[in-house]
Structures are given as structure tokens and as C-alpha cells.
Amino acid sequence: MEHKIKKILVIEDNEEIQKVVKRSLEFTLKGRPKIFLASDGQIGIEVFDANSKSIDIVITDMDMPRRDGLEVIDHIKRKGYKTPIILISGRMQREGEHKPDLFLPKPFTVQQLKNAVESLLP
């Protein structure tokens, strides 16, 4: 049986990239998942904590105000959640306490984003 993604959290401070990622996921993934949007790492952490049991995948940028992508990853992993995380960034990943499940370099295509998300499904 194919796993359907129901909810995705996208944490990205660039509004244009945020819109493109949201539209791409809504129109390429089966079942048109609900997309939660957060404009910085702190808001992303708050949205995740409020919806942690229902979010299937987190997609986070690296460089953002207040808390960066590595801090988001560390927060989620330290709490023991197994939610898959994709880190997107225009520069090479630096080391943090915890690693993302997948690193997707910017710029990326809609197909690369779709493939990345689908590769993390059970």
C-alpha cells in the first residue's frame, strides 16, 4: 500500500521560494497534502511542536532569522521524533548535532523536490 503524505511543514524565509515549494508539493504529490508554512526557524519549531504527531515531513531552509535549519533539526531530533527532514540550502551543509535525512541543494527543480519527498516515505 502506498503511503500518502497528509501534512508537510515548510520552513523558509524567502517568500518566493516558500510559494514555489508549496505549489510544487500541492500539485505533484498524490492526495494534495496540507502544507504548513513558517517564515523562520522559531515559528517552524512552534508549528512543529503544535502539530508534531500529524506532520509527515519537514522541509527547512538552512539560513533563516531567529533559528536556522540546524537548530530546527536539533530541536526535532532531540525530542525523539522520527519525522523525516529535508534541509534545503544554497551552500554546503555545515555540521550540527543532528543531521537531516536528506540534503537538497538550491536551486532545485520541482521534480527533484518531489523525488526527495517521495524518497523519505516508508
PDB file of N, CA and C in Angstrom:
ATOM      1  N   MET A   1       0.838  -1.192   0.000  1.00  0.00           N
ATOM      2  CA  MET A   1       0.000   0.000   0.000  1.00  0.00           C
ATOM      3  C   MET A   1       0.881   1.252   0.000  1.00  0.00           C
ATOM      4  N   GLU A   2       0.523   2.202  -0.808  1.00  0.00           N
ATOM      5  CA  GLU A   2       1.286   3.433  -0.940  1.00  0.00           C
ATOM      6  C   GLU A   2       0.950   4.387   0.205  1.00  0.00           C
ATOM      7  N   HIS A   3       1.996   4.957   0.816  1.00  0.00           N
ATOM      8  CA  HIS A   3       1.789   5.910   1.907  1.00  0.00           C
ATOM      9  C   HIS A   3       1.480   7.281   1.317  1.00  0.00           C
ATOM     10  N   LYS A   4       0.400   7.876   1.770  1.00  0.00           N
ATOM     11  CA  LYS A   4       0.044   9.205   1.299  1.00  0.00           C
ATOM     12  C   LYS A   4       0.524  10.233   2.314  1.00  0.00           C
ATOM     13  N   ILE A   5       1.170  11.269   1.808  1.00  0.00           N
ATOM     14  CA  ILE A   5       1.614  12.347   2.682  1.00  0.00           C
ATOM     15  C   ILE A   5       0.418  13.262   2.920  1.00  0.00           C
ATOM     16  N   LYS A   6       0.114  13.493   4.191  1.00  0.00           N
ATOM     17  CA  LYS A   6      -1.039  14.330   4.514  1.00  0.00           C
ATOM     18  C   LYS A   6      -0.634  15.740   4.914  1.00  0.00           C
ATOM     19  N   LYS A   7       0.498  15.863   5.639  1.00  0.00           N
ATOM     20  CA  LYS A   7       0.904  17.189   6.125  1.00  0.00           C
ATOM     21  C   LYS A   7       2.415  17.357   6.019  1.00  0.00           C
ATOM     22  N   ILE A   8       2.810  18.513   5.478  1.00  0.00           N
ATOM     23  CA  ILE A   8       4.223  18.852   5.324  1.00  0.00           C
ATOM     24  C   ILE A   8       4.435  20.230   5.933  1.00  0.00           C
ATOM     25  N   LEU A   9       5.515  20.375   6.684  1.00  0.00           N
ATOM     26  CA  LEU A   9       5.904  21.674   7.227  1.00  0.00           C
ATOM     27  C   LEU A   9       7.057  22.210   6.389  1.00  0.00           C
ATOM     28  N   VAL A  10       6.871  23.402   5.807  1.00  0.00           N
ATOM     29  CA  VAL A  10       7.911  24.061   5.016  1.00  0.00           C
ATOM     30  C   VAL A  10       8.368  25.292   5.791  1.00  0.00           C
ATOM     31  N   ILE A  11       9.662  25.316   6.141  1.00  0.00           N
ATOM     32  CA  ILE A  11      10.233  26.433   6.895  1.00  0.00           C
ATOM     33  C   ILE A  11      11.227  27.132   5.972  1.00  0.00           C
ATOM     34  N   GLU A  12      10.871  28.323   5.517  1.00  0.00           N
ATOM     35  CA  GLU A  12      11.666  29.049   4.520  1.00  0.00           C
ATOM     36  C   GLU A  12      11.387  30.538   4.673  1.00  0.00           C
ATOM     37  N   ASP A  13      12.449  31.342   4.798  1.00  0.00           N
ATOM     38  CA  ASP A  13      12.251  32.773   4.999  1.00  0.00           C
ATOM     39  C   ASP A  13      12.062  33.548   3.698  1.00  0.00           C
ATOM     40  N   ASN A  14      12.428  32.971   2.562  1.00  0.00           N
ATOM     41  CA  ASN A  14      12.238  33.629   1.270  1.00  0.00           C
ATOM     42  C   ASN A  14      10.820  33.322   0.783  1.00  0.00           C
ATOM     43  N   GLU A  15       9.992  34.363   0.716  1.00  0.00           N
ATOM     44  CA  GLU A  15       8.576  34.173   0.396  1.00  0.00           C
ATOM     45  C   GLU A  15       8.362  33.557  -0.987  1.00  0.00           C
ATOM     46  N   GLU A  16       9.182  33.939  -1.964  1.00  0.00           N
ATOM     47  CA  GLU A  16       9.034  33.386  -3.317  1.00  0.00           C
ATOM     48  C   GLU A  16       9.337  31.886  -3.334  1.00  0.00           C
ATOM     49  N   ILE A  17      10.419  31.493  -2.674  1.00  0.00           N
ATOM     50  CA  ILE A  17      10.772  30.066  -2.610  1.00  0.00           C
ATOM     51  C   ILE A  17       9.686  29.306  -1.853  1.00  0.00           C
ATOM     52  N   GLN A  18       9.195  29.907  -0.785  1.00  0.00           N
ATOM     53  CA  GLN A  18       8.122  29.295   0.008  1.00  0.00           C
ATOM     54  C   GLN A  18       6.901  28.995  -0.872  1.00  0.00           C
ATOM     55  N   LYS A  19       6.497  29.969  -1.691  1.00  0.00           N
ATOM     56  CA  LYS A  19       5.333  29.800  -2.575  1.00  0.00           C
ATOM     57  C   LYS A  19       5.575  28.708  -3.611  1.00  0.00           C
ATOM     58  N   VAL A  20       6.769  28.708  -4.216  1.00  0.00           N
ATOM     59  CA  VAL A  20       7.091  27.708  -5.242  1.00  0.00           C
ATOM     60  C   VAL A  20       7.082  26.302  -4.637  1.00  0.00           C
ATOM     61  N   VAL A  21       7.693  26.148  -3.476  1.00  0.00           N
ATOM     62  CA  VAL A  21       7.732  24.840  -2.817  1.00  0.00           C
ATOM     63  C   VAL A  21       6.306  24.387  -2.483  1.00  0.00           C
ATOM     64  N   LYS A  22       5.509  25.278  -1.928  1.00  0.00           N
ATOM     65  CA  LYS A  22       4.121  24.940  -1.560  1.00  0.00           C
ATOM     66  C   LYS A  22       3.330  24.480  -2.785  1.00  0.00           C
ATOM     67  N   ARG A  23       3.349  25.286  -3.846  1.00  0.00           N
ATOM     68  CA  ARG A  23       2.601  24.933  -5.062  1.00  0.00           C
ATOM     69  C   ARG A  23       3.103  23.628  -5.662  1.00  0.00           C
ATOM     70  N   SER A  24       4.416  23.480  -5.710  1.00  0.00           N
ATOM     71  CA  SER A  24       5.009  22.267  -6.291  1.00  0.00           C
ATOM     72  C   SER A  24       4.540  21.020  -5.554  1.00  0.00           C
ATOM     73  N   LEU A  25       4.562  21.071  -4.237  1.00  0.00           N
ATOM     74  CA  LEU A  25       4.155  19.910  -3.444  1.00  0.00           C
ATOM     75  C   LEU A  25       2.662  19.633  -3.580  1.00  0.00           C
ATOM     76  N   GLU A  26       1.866  20.681  -3.579  1.00  0.00           N
ATOM     77  CA  GLU A  26       0.410  20.502  -3.686  1.00  0.00           C
ATOM     78  C   GLU A  26       0.007  19.861  -5.011  1.00  0.00           C
ATOM     79  N   PHE A  27       0.717  20.204  -6.082  1.00  0.00           N
ATOM     80  CA  PHE A  27       0.301  19.737  -7.400  1.00  0.00           C
ATOM     81  C   PHE A  27       1.038  18.504  -7.899  1.00  0.00           C
ATOM     82  N   THR A  28       2.107  18.090  -7.233  1.00  0.00           N
ATOM     83  CA  THR A  28       2.838  16.911  -7.718  1.00  0.00           C
ATOM     84  C   THR A  28       2.666  15.688  -6.832  1.00  0.00           C
ATOM     85  N   LEU A  29       2.286  15.879  -5.579  1.00  0.00           N
ATOM     86  CA  LEU A  29       2.131  14.738  -4.679  1.00  0.00           C
ATOM     87  C   LEU A  29       0.685  14.261  -4.666  1.00  0.00           C
ATOM     88  N   LYS A  30       0.515  12.966  -4.596  1.00  0.00           N
ATOM     89  CA  LYS A  30      -0.834  12.383  -4.548  1.00  0.00           C
ATOM     90  C   LYS A  30      -1.554  12.826  -3.273  1.00  0.00           C
ATOM     91  N   GLY A  31      -2.828  13.103  -3.407  1.00  0.00           N
ATOM     92  CA  GLY A  31      -3.628  13.446  -2.241  1.00  0.00           C
ATOM     93  C   GLY A  31      -3.561  14.900  -1.828  1.00  0.00           C
ATOM     94  N   ARG A  32      -2.816  15.719  -2.553  1.00  0.00           N
ATOM     95  CA  ARG A  32      -2.684  17.154  -2.255  1.00  0.00           C
ATOM     96  C   ARG A  32      -2.553  17.416  -0.752  1.00  0.00           C
ATOM     97  N   PRO A  33      -1.368  17.219  -0.212  1.00  0.00           N
ATOM     98  CA  PRO A  33      -1.177  17.363   1.235  1.00  0.00           C
ATOM     99  C   PRO A  33      -1.401  18.788   1.723  1.00  0.00           C
ATOM    100  N   LYS A  34      -1.720  18.900   3.006  1.00  0.00           N
ATOM    101  CA  LYS A  34      -1.812  20.214   3.652  1.00  0.00           C
ATOM    102  C   LYS A  34      -0.381  20.675   3.905  1.00  0.00           C
ATOM    103  N   ILE A  35      -0.104  21.924   3.547  1.00  0.00           N
ATOM    104  CA  ILE A  35       1.236  22.480   3.718  1.00  0.00           C
ATOM    105  C   ILE A  35       1.182  23.555   4.798  1.00  0.00           C
ATOM    106  N   PHE A  36       1.934  23.343   5.876  1.00  0.00           N
ATOM    107  CA  PHE A  36       2.115  24.372   6.897  1.00  0.00           C
ATOM    108  C   PHE A  36       3.314  25.212   6.470  1.00  0.00           C
ATOM    109  N   LEU A  37       3.215  26.537   6.577  1.00  0.00           N
ATOM    110  CA  LEU A  37       4.320  27.419   6.213  1.00  0.00           C
ATOM    111  C   LEU A  37       4.818  28.167   7.442  1.00  0.00           C
ATOM    112  N   ALA A  38       6.141  28.310   7.528  1.00  0.00           N
ATOM    113  CA  ALA A  38       6.759  29.092   8.596  1.00  0.00           C
ATOM    114  C   ALA A  38       7.865  29.934   7.972  1.00  0.00           C
ATOM    115  N   SER A  39       7.948  31.202   8.367  1.00  0.00           N
ATOM    116  CA  SER A  39       8.890  32.124   7.743  1.00  0.00           C
ATOM    117  C   SER A  39      10.235  32.226   8.455  1.00  0.00           C
ATOM    118  N   ASP A  40      10.397  31.532   9.561  1.00  0.00           N
ATOM    119  CA  ASP A  40      11.711  31.453  10.209  1.00  0.00           C
ATOM    120  C   ASP A  40      11.761  30.208  11.094  1.00  0.00           C
ATOM    121  N   GLY A  41      12.953  29.905  11.580  1.00  0.00           N
ATOM    122  CA  GLY A  41      13.139  28.685  12.355  1.00  0.00           C
ATOM    123  C   GLY A  41      12.343  28.633  13.644  1.00  0.00           C
ATOM    124  N   GLN A  42      12.208  29.763  14.318  1.00  0.00           N
ATOM    125  CA  GLN A  42      11.458  29.783  15.581  1.00  0.00           C
ATOM    126  C   GLN A  42       9.980  29.474  15.345  1.00  0.00           C
ATOM    127  N   ILE A  43       9.402  30.113  14.330  1.00  0.00           N
ATOM    128  CA  ILE A  43       7.997  29.834  14.006  1.00  0.00           C
ATOM    129  C   ILE A  43       7.851  28.380  13.571  1.00  0.00           C
ATOM    130  N   GLY A  44       8.816  27.886  12.797  1.00  0.00           N
ATOM    131  CA  GLY A  44       8.787  26.491  12.358  1.00  0.00           C
ATOM    132  C   GLY A  44       8.756  25.523  13.526  1.00  0.00           C
ATOM    133  N   ILE A  45       9.579  25.789  14.533  1.00  0.00           N
ATOM    134  CA  ILE A  45       9.608  24.943  15.731  1.00  0.00           C
ATOM    135  C   ILE A  45       8.252  24.982  16.442  1.00  0.00           C
ATOM    136  N   GLU A  46       7.665  26.174  16.546  1.00  0.00           N
ATOM    137  CA  GLU A  46       6.367  26.311  17.210  1.00  0.00           C
ATOM    138  C   GLU A  46       5.274  25.555  16.448  1.00  0.00           C
ATOM    139  N   VAL A  47       5.281  25.674  15.116  1.00  0.00           N
ATOM    140  CA  VAL A  47       4.285  24.962  14.300  1.00  0.00           C
ATOM    141  C   VAL A  47       4.491  23.455  14.430  1.00  0.00           C
ATOM    142  N   PHE A  48       5.754  23.022  14.392  1.00  0.00           N
ATOM    143  CA  PHE A  48       6.026  21.590  14.532  1.00  0.00           C
ATOM    144  C   PHE A  48       5.542  21.072  15.883  1.00  0.00           C
ATOM    145  N   ASP A  49       5.901  21.775  16.953  1.00  0.00           N
ATOM    146  CA  ASP A  49       5.508  21.322  18.293  1.00  0.00           C
ATOM    147  C   ASP A  49       3.987  21.220  18.438  1.00  0.00           C
ATOM    148  N   ALA A  50       3.252  22.128  17.804  1.00  0.00           N
ATOM    149  CA  ALA A  50       1.788  22.114  17.901  1.00  0.00           C
ATOM    150  C   ALA A  50       1.152  21.015  17.043  1.00  0.00           C
ATOM    151  N   ASN A  51       1.906  20.502  16.058  1.00  0.00           N
ATOM    152  CA  ASN A  51       1.350  19.519  15.116  1.00  0.00           C
ATOM    153  C   ASN A  51       2.248  18.301  14.940  1.00  0.00           C
ATOM    154  N   SER A  52       3.115  18.040  15.889  1.00  0.00           N
ATOM    155  CA  SER A  52       4.176  17.034  15.733  1.00  0.00           C
ATOM    156  C   SER A  52       3.677  15.634  15.392  1.00  0.00           C
ATOM    157  N   LYS A  53       2.541  15.266  15.899  1.00  0.00           N
ATOM    158  CA  LYS A  53       2.049  13.907  15.659  1.00  0.00           C
ATOM    159  C   LYS A  53       1.450  13.727  14.264  1.00  0.00           C
ATOM    160  N   SER A  54       1.143  14.825  13.586  1.00  0.00           N
ATOM    161  CA  SER A  54       0.493  14.704  12.280  1.00  0.00           C
ATOM    162  C   SER A  54       1.362  15.147  11.097  1.00  0.00           C
ATOM    163  N   ILE A  55       2.512  15.755  11.353  1.00  0.00           N
ATOM    164  CA  ILE A  55       3.379  16.193  10.251  1.00  0.00           C
ATOM    165  C   ILE A  55       4.182  15.002   9.748  1.00  0.00           C
ATOM    166  N   ASP A  56       4.094  14.759   8.432  1.00  0.00           N
ATOM    167  CA  ASP A  56       4.778  13.618   7.817  1.00  0.00           C
ATOM    168  C   ASP A  56       6.223  13.926   7.439  1.00  0.00           C
ATOM    169  N   ILE A  57       6.489  15.154   7.003  1.00  0.00           N
ATOM    170  CA  ILE A  57       7.830  15.543   6.559  1.00  0.00           C
ATOM    171  C   ILE A  57       8.039  17.021   6.872  1.00  0.00           C
ATOM    172  N   VAL A  58       9.287  17.382   7.228  1.00  0.00           N
ATOM    173  CA  VAL A  58       9.678  18.780   7.420  1.00  0.00           C
ATOM    174  C   VAL A  58      10.690  19.127   6.337  1.00  0.00           C
ATOM    175  N   ILE A  59      10.470  20.265   5.689  1.00  0.00           N
ATOM    176  CA  ILE A  59      11.429  20.801   4.724  1.00  0.00           C
ATOM    177  C   ILE A  59      11.869  22.140   5.285  1.00  0.00           C
ATOM    178  N   THR A  60      13.167  22.291   5.565  1.00  0.00           N
ATOM    179  CA  THR A  60      13.645  23.524   6.175  1.00  0.00           C
ATOM    180  C   THR A  60      14.837  24.100   5.431  1.00  0.00           C
ATOM    181  N   ASP A  61      14.855  25.415   5.342  1.00  0.00           N
ATOM    182  CA  ASP A  61      15.998  26.139   4.803  1.00  0.00           C
ATOM    183  C   ASP A  61      17.101  26.117   5.860  1.00  0.00           C
ATOM    184  N   MET A  62      18.320  26.436   5.441  1.00  0.00           N
ATOM    185  CA  MET A  62      19.442  26.491   6.382  1.00  0.00           C
ATOM    186  C   MET A  62      19.521  27.863   7.055  1.00  0.00           C
ATOM    187  N   ASP A  63      19.683  28.909   6.254  1.00  0.00           N
ATOM    188  CA  ASP A  63      19.914  30.255   6.790  1.00  0.00           C
ATOM    189  C   ASP A  63      18.606  31.019   6.911  1.00  0.00           C
ATOM    190  N   MET A  64      18.206  31.259   8.166  1.00  0.00           N
ATOM    191  CA  MET A  64      16.960  31.977   8.436  1.00  0.00           C
ATOM    192  C   MET A  64      17.134  32.822   9.685  1.00  0.00           C
ATOM    193  N   PRO A  65      16.260  33.822   9.848  1.00  0.00           N
ATOM    194  CA  PRO A  65      16.304  34.613  11.076  1.00  0.00           C
ATOM    195  C   PRO A  65      15.894  33.782  12.299  1.00  0.00           C
ATOM    196  N   ARG A  66      16.290  34.258  13.435  1.00  0.00           N
ATOM    197  CA  ARG A  66      15.969  33.710  14.760  1.00  0.00           C
ATOM    198  C   ARG A  66      16.554  32.332  15.014  1.00  0.00           C
ATOM    199  N   ARG A  67      16.195  31.319  14.256  1.00  0.00           N
ATOM    200  CA  ARG A  67      16.791  29.988  14.420  1.00  0.00           C
ATOM    201  C   ARG A  67      17.010  29.415  13.037  1.00  0.00           C
ATOM    202  N   ASP A  68      18.189  28.841  12.824  1.00  0.00           N
ATOM    203  CA  ASP A  68      18.489  28.309  11.493  1.00  0.00           C
ATOM    204  C   ASP A  68      18.025  26.857  11.363  1.00  0.00           C
ATOM    205  N   GLY A  69      18.218  26.318  10.167  1.00  0.00           N
ATOM    206  CA  GLY A  69      17.754  24.963   9.884  1.00  0.00           C
ATOM    207  C   GLY A  69      18.359  23.907  10.783  1.00  0.00           C
ATOM    208  N   LEU A  70      19.632  24.067  11.132  1.00  0.00           N
ATOM    209  CA  LEU A  70      20.268  23.079  12.010  1.00  0.00           C
ATOM    210  C   LEU A  70      19.660  23.102  13.408  1.00  0.00           C
ATOM    211  N   GLU A  71      19.295  24.289  13.875  1.00  0.00           N
ATOM    212  CA  GLU A  71      18.633  24.378  15.182  1.00  0.00           C
ATOM    213  C   GLU A  71      17.250  23.720  15.137  1.00  0.00           C
ATOM    214  N   VAL A  72      16.564  23.871  14.008  1.00  0.00           N
ATOM    215  CA  VAL A  72      15.263  23.210  13.832  1.00  0.00           C
ATOM    216  C   VAL A  72      15.446  21.694  13.887  1.00  0.00           C
ATOM    217  N   ILE A  73      16.429  21.194  13.128  1.00  0.00           N
ATOM    218  CA  ILE A  73      16.701  19.751  13.097  1.00  0.00           C
ATOM    219  C   ILE A  73      17.051  19.248  14.494  1.00  0.00           C
ATOM    220  N   ASP A  74      17.954  19.949  15.172  1.00  0.00           N
ATOM    221  CA  ASP A  74      18.358  19.540  16.521  1.00  0.00           C
ATOM    222  C   ASP A  74      17.154  19.494  17.466  1.00  0.00           C
ATOM    223  N   HIS A  75      16.279  20.490  17.382  1.00  0.00           N
ATOM    224  CA  HIS A  75      15.097  20.542  18.246  1.00  0.00           C
ATOM    225  C   HIS A  75      14.211  19.311  18.029  1.00  0.00           C
ATOM    226  N   ILE A  76      13.929  19.008  16.774  1.00  0.00           N
ATOM    227  CA  ILE A  76      13.039  17.883  16.449  1.00  0.00           C
ATOM    228  C   ILE A  76      13.666  16.556  16.865  1.00  0.00           C
ATOM    229  N   LYS A  77      14.933  16.357  16.536  1.00  0.00           N
ATOM    230  CA  LYS A  77      15.604  15.080  16.824  1.00  0.00           C
ATOM    231  C   LYS A  77      15.818  14.892  18.330  1.00  0.00           C
ATOM    232  N   ARG A  78      16.161  15.979  19.035  1.00  0.00           N
ATOM    233  CA  ARG A  78      16.388  15.887  20.476  1.00  0.00           C
ATOM    234  C   ARG A  78      15.122  15.455  21.216  1.00  0.00           C
ATOM    235  N   LYS A  79      13.968  15.832  20.680  1.00  0.00           N
ATOM    236  CA  LYS A  79      12.697  15.437  21.303  1.00  0.00           C
ATOM    237  C   LYS A  79      12.316  14.002  20.971  1.00  0.00           C
ATOM    238  N   GLY A  80      13.109  13.353  20.123  1.00  0.00           N
ATOM    239  CA  GLY A  80      12.876  11.948  19.825  1.00  0.00           C
ATOM    240  C   GLY A  80      11.952  11.668  18.652  1.00  0.00           C
ATOM    241  N   TYR A  81      11.557  12.691  17.927  1.00  0.00           N
ATOM    242  CA  TYR A  81      10.680  12.470  16.769  1.00  0.00           C
ATOM    243  C   TYR A  81      11.466  11.869  15.615  1.00  0.00           C
ATOM    244  N   LYS A  82      10.823  10.991  14.881  1.00  0.00           N
ATOM    245  CA  LYS A  82      11.437  10.328  13.722  1.00  0.00           C
ATOM    246  C   LYS A  82      10.982  10.970  12.412  1.00  0.00           C
ATOM    247  N   THR A  83      10.331  12.109  12.491  1.00  0.00           N
ATOM    248  CA  THR A  83       9.836  12.802  11.302  1.00  0.00           C
ATOM    249  C   THR A  83      10.985  13.069  10.341  1.00  0.00           C
ATOM    250  N   PRO A  84      10.871  12.631   9.078  1.00  0.00           N
ATOM    251  CA  PRO A  84      11.938  12.889   8.108  1.00  0.00           C
ATOM    252  C   PRO A  84      12.097  14.390   7.856  1.00  0.00           C
ATOM    253  N   ILE A  85      13.355  14.818   7.699  1.00  0.00           N
ATOM    254  CA  ILE A  85      13.655  16.232   7.493  1.00  0.00           C
ATOM    255  C   ILE A  85      14.529  16.392   6.259  1.00  0.00           C
ATOM    256  N   ILE A  86      14.108  17.306   5.373  1.00  0.00           N
ATOM    257  CA  ILE A  86      14.900  17.685   4.205  1.00  0.00           C
ATOM    258  C   ILE A  86      15.444  19.080   4.469  1.00  0.00           C
ATOM    259  N   LEU A  87      16.760  19.232   4.369  1.00  0.00           N
ATOM    260  CA  LEU A  87      17.401  20.535   4.523  1.00  0.00           C
ATOM    261  C   LEU A  87      17.690  21.076   3.134  1.00  0.00           C
ATOM    262  N   ILE A  88      17.188  22.286   2.836  1.00  0.00           N
ATOM    263  CA  ILE A  88      17.468  22.920   1.551  1.00  0.00           C
ATOM    264  C   ILE A  88      18.365  24.129   1.789  1.00  0.00           C
ATOM    265  N   SER A  89      19.365  24.283   0.919  1.00  0.00           N
ATOM    266  CA  SER A  89      20.292  25.390   1.101  1.00  0.00           C
ATOM    267  C   SER A  89      21.052  25.658  -0.185  1.00  0.00           C
ATOM    268  N   GLY A  90      21.440  26.907  -0.351  1.00  0.00           N
ATOM    269  CA  GLY A  90      22.247  27.300  -1.494  1.00  0.00           C
ATOM    270  C   GLY A  90      23.728  27.116  -1.253  1.00  0.00           C
ATOM    271  N   ARG A  91      24.093  26.676  -0.074  1.00  0.00           N
ATOM    272  CA  ARG A  91      25.516  26.440   0.215  1.00  0.00           C
ATOM    273  C   ARG A  91      25.677  25.087   0.897  1.00  0.00           C
ATOM    274  N   MET A  92      26.899  24.662   0.947  1.00  0.00           N
ATOM    275  CA  MET A  92      27.165  23.345   1.530  1.00  0.00           C
ATOM    276  C   MET A  92      26.711  23.309   2.984  1.00  0.00           C
ATOM    277  N   GLN A  93      26.279  22.164   3.375  1.00  0.00           N
ATOM    278  CA  GLN A  93      25.776  21.940   4.726  1.00  0.00           C
ATOM    279  C   GLN A  93      26.931  21.964   5.726  1.00  0.00           C
ATOM    280  N   ARG A  94      26.718  22.652   6.855  1.00  0.00           N
ATOM    281  CA  ARG A  94      27.713  22.582   7.926  1.00  0.00           C
ATOM    282  C   ARG A  94      27.211  21.591   8.966  1.00  0.00           C
ATOM    283  N   GLU A  95      28.096  21.154   9.793  1.00  0.00           N
ATOM    284  CA  GLU A  95      27.744  20.114  10.771  1.00  0.00           C
ATOM    285  C   GLU A  95      26.932  20.682  11.930  1.00  0.00           C
ATOM    286  N   GLY A  96      25.984  19.912  12.380  1.00  0.00           N
ATOM    287  CA  GLY A  96      25.200  20.221  13.563  1.00  0.00           C
ATOM    288  C   GLY A  96      25.178  18.989  14.446  1.00  0.00           C
ATOM    289  N   GLU A  97      24.500  19.081  15.557  1.00  0.00           N
ATOM    290  CA  GLU A  97      24.406  17.931  16.460  1.00  0.00           C
ATOM    291  C   GLU A  97      23.708  16.761  15.763  1.00  0.00           C
ATOM    292  N   HIS A  98      22.668  17.074  15.019  1.00  0.00           N
ATOM    293  CA  HIS A  98      21.911  16.061  14.283  1.00  0.00           C
ATOM    294  C   HIS A  98      21.933  16.396  12.800  1.00  0.00           C
ATOM    295  N   LYS A  99      21.800  15.384  11.973  1.00  0.00           N
ATOM    296  CA  LYS A  99      21.822  15.582  10.527  1.00  0.00           C
ATOM    297  C   LYS A  99      20.405  15.457   9.957  1.00  0.00           C
ATOM    298  N   PRO A 100      20.164  16.156   8.821  1.00  0.00           N
ATOM    299  CA  PRO A 100      18.875  15.958   8.153  1.00  0.00           C
ATOM    300  C   PRO A 100      18.841  14.573   7.518  1.00  0.00           C
ATOM    301  N   ASP A 101      17.676  14.123   7.159  1.00  0.00           N
ATOM    302  CA  ASP A 101      17.563  12.844   6.460  1.00  0.00           C
ATOM    303  C   ASP A 101      18.008  12.977   5.014  1.00  0.00           C
ATOM    304  N   LEU A 102      17.886  14.192   4.478  1.00  0.00           N
ATOM    305  CA  LEU A 102      18.269  14.428   3.096  1.00  0.00           C
ATOM    306  C   LEU A 102      18.665  15.887   2.927  1.00  0.00           C
ATOM    307  N   PHE A 103      19.701  16.135   2.142  1.00  0.00           N
ATOM    308  CA  PHE A 103      20.128  17.498   1.823  1.00  0.00           C
ATOM    309  C   PHE A 103      19.806  17.753   0.361  1.00  0.00           C
ATOM    310  N   LEU A 104      19.071  18.833   0.072  1.00  0.00           N
ATOM    311  CA  LEU A 104      18.701  19.196  -1.291  1.00  0.00           C
ATOM    312  C   LEU A 104      19.274  20.578  -1.588  1.00  0.00           C
ATOM    313  N   PRO A 105      20.312  20.636  -2.457  1.00  0.00           N
ATOM    314  CA  PRO A 105      20.929  21.937  -2.742  1.00  0.00           C
ATOM    315  C   PRO A 105      20.033  22.821  -3.610  1.00  0.00           C
ATOM    316  N   LYS A 106      20.029  24.119  -3.298  1.00  0.00           N
ATOM    317  CA  LYS A 106      19.344  25.104  -4.137  1.00  0.00           C
ATOM    318  C   LYS A 106      20.306  25.510  -5.251  1.00  0.00           C
ATOM    319  N   PRO A 107      19.830  25.818  -6.430  1.00  0.00           N
ATOM    320  CA  PRO A 107      18.448  25.694  -6.871  1.00  0.00           C
ATOM    321  C   PRO A 107      18.107  24.243  -7.188  1.00  0.00           C
ATOM    322  N   PHE A 108      16.846  23.898  -7.064  1.00  0.00           N
ATOM    323  CA  PHE A 108      16.387  22.544  -7.380  1.00  0.00           C
ATOM    324  C   PHE A 108      15.142  22.643  -8.248  1.00  0.00           C
ATOM    325  N   THR A 109      14.861  21.570  -8.969  1.00  0.00           N
ATOM    326  CA  THR A 109      13.675  21.534  -9.830  1.00  0.00           C
ATOM    327  C   THR A 109      12.488  20.981  -9.046  1.00  0.00           C
ATOM    328  N   VAL A 110      11.305  21.166  -9.598  1.00  0.00           N
ATOM    329  CA  VAL A 110      10.094  20.606  -8.994  1.00  0.00           C
ATOM    330  C   VAL A 110      10.230  19.089  -8.898  1.00  0.00           C
ATOM    331  N   GLN A 111      10.762  18.467  -9.947  1.00  0.00           N
ATOM    332  CA  GLN A 111      10.929  17.011  -9.954  1.00  0.00           C
ATOM    333  C   GLN A 111      11.913  16.559  -8.873  1.00  0.00           C
ATOM    334  N   GLN A 112      13.010  17.303  -8.679  1.00  0.00           N
ATOM    335  CA  GLN A 112      13.975  16.949  -7.626  1.00  0.00           C
ATOM    336  C   GLN A 112      13.331  17.049  -6.245  1.00  0.00           C
ATOM    337  N   LEU A 113      12.511  18.069  -6.040  1.00  0.00           N
ATOM    338  CA  LEU A 113      11.814  18.226  -4.758  1.00  0.00           C
ATOM    339  C   LEU A 113      10.845  17.065  -4.537  1.00  0.00           C
ATOM    340  N   LYS A 114      10.062  16.746  -5.549  1.00  0.00           N
ATOM    341  CA  LYS A 114       9.111  15.631  -5.460  1.00  0.00           C
ATOM    342  C   LYS A 114       9.848  14.327  -5.167  1.00  0.00           C
ATOM    343  N   ASN A 115      10.940  14.076  -5.895  1.00  0.00           N
ATOM    344  CA  ASN A 115      11.721  12.852  -5.683  1.00  0.00           C
ATOM    345  C   ASN A 115      12.287  12.797  -4.269  1.00  0.00           C
ATOM    346  N   ALA A 116      12.764  13.938  -3.762  1.00  0.00           N
ATOM    347  CA  ALA A 116      13.324  13.988  -2.407  1.00  0.00           C
ATOM    348  C   ALA A 116      12.264  13.613  -1.376  1.00  0.00           C
ATOM    349  N   VAL A 117      11.086  14.204  -1.500  1.00  0.00           N
ATOM    350  CA  VAL A 117       9.999  13.916  -0.557  1.00  0.00           C
ATOM    351  C   VAL A 117       9.598  12.443  -0.646  1.00  0.00           C
ATOM    352  N   GLU A 118       9.401  11.958  -1.862  1.00  0.00           N
ATOM    353  CA  GLU A 118       8.960  10.568  -2.029  1.00  0.00           C
ATOM    354  C   GLU A 118      10.012   9.562  -1.572  1.00  0.00           C
ATOM    355  N   SER A 119      11.294   9.937  -1.643  1.00  0.00           N
ATOM    356  CA  SER A 119      12.355   9.017  -1.210  1.00  0.00           C
ATOM    357  C   SER A 119      12.342   8.788   0.298  1.00  0.00           C
ATOM    358  N   LEU A 120      11.700   9.678   1.040  1.00  0.00           N
ATOM    359  CA  LEU A 120      11.661   9.558   2.503  1.00  0.00           C
ATOM    360  C   LEU A 120      10.393   8.883   3.020  1.00  0.00           C
ATOM    361  N   LEU A 121       9.529   8.479   2.110  1.00  0.00           N
ATOM    362  CA  LEU A 121       8.306   7.788   2.527  1.00  0.00           C
ATOM    363  C   LEU A 121       8.617   6.365   2.967  1.00  0.00           C
ATOM    364  N   PRO A 122       7.857   5.854   3.940  1.00  0.00           N
ATOM    365  CA  PRO A 122       8.092   4.474   4.385  1.00  0.00           C
ATOM    366  C   PRO A 122       7.698   3.465   3.318  1.00  0.00           C
TER     367      PRO A 122
END
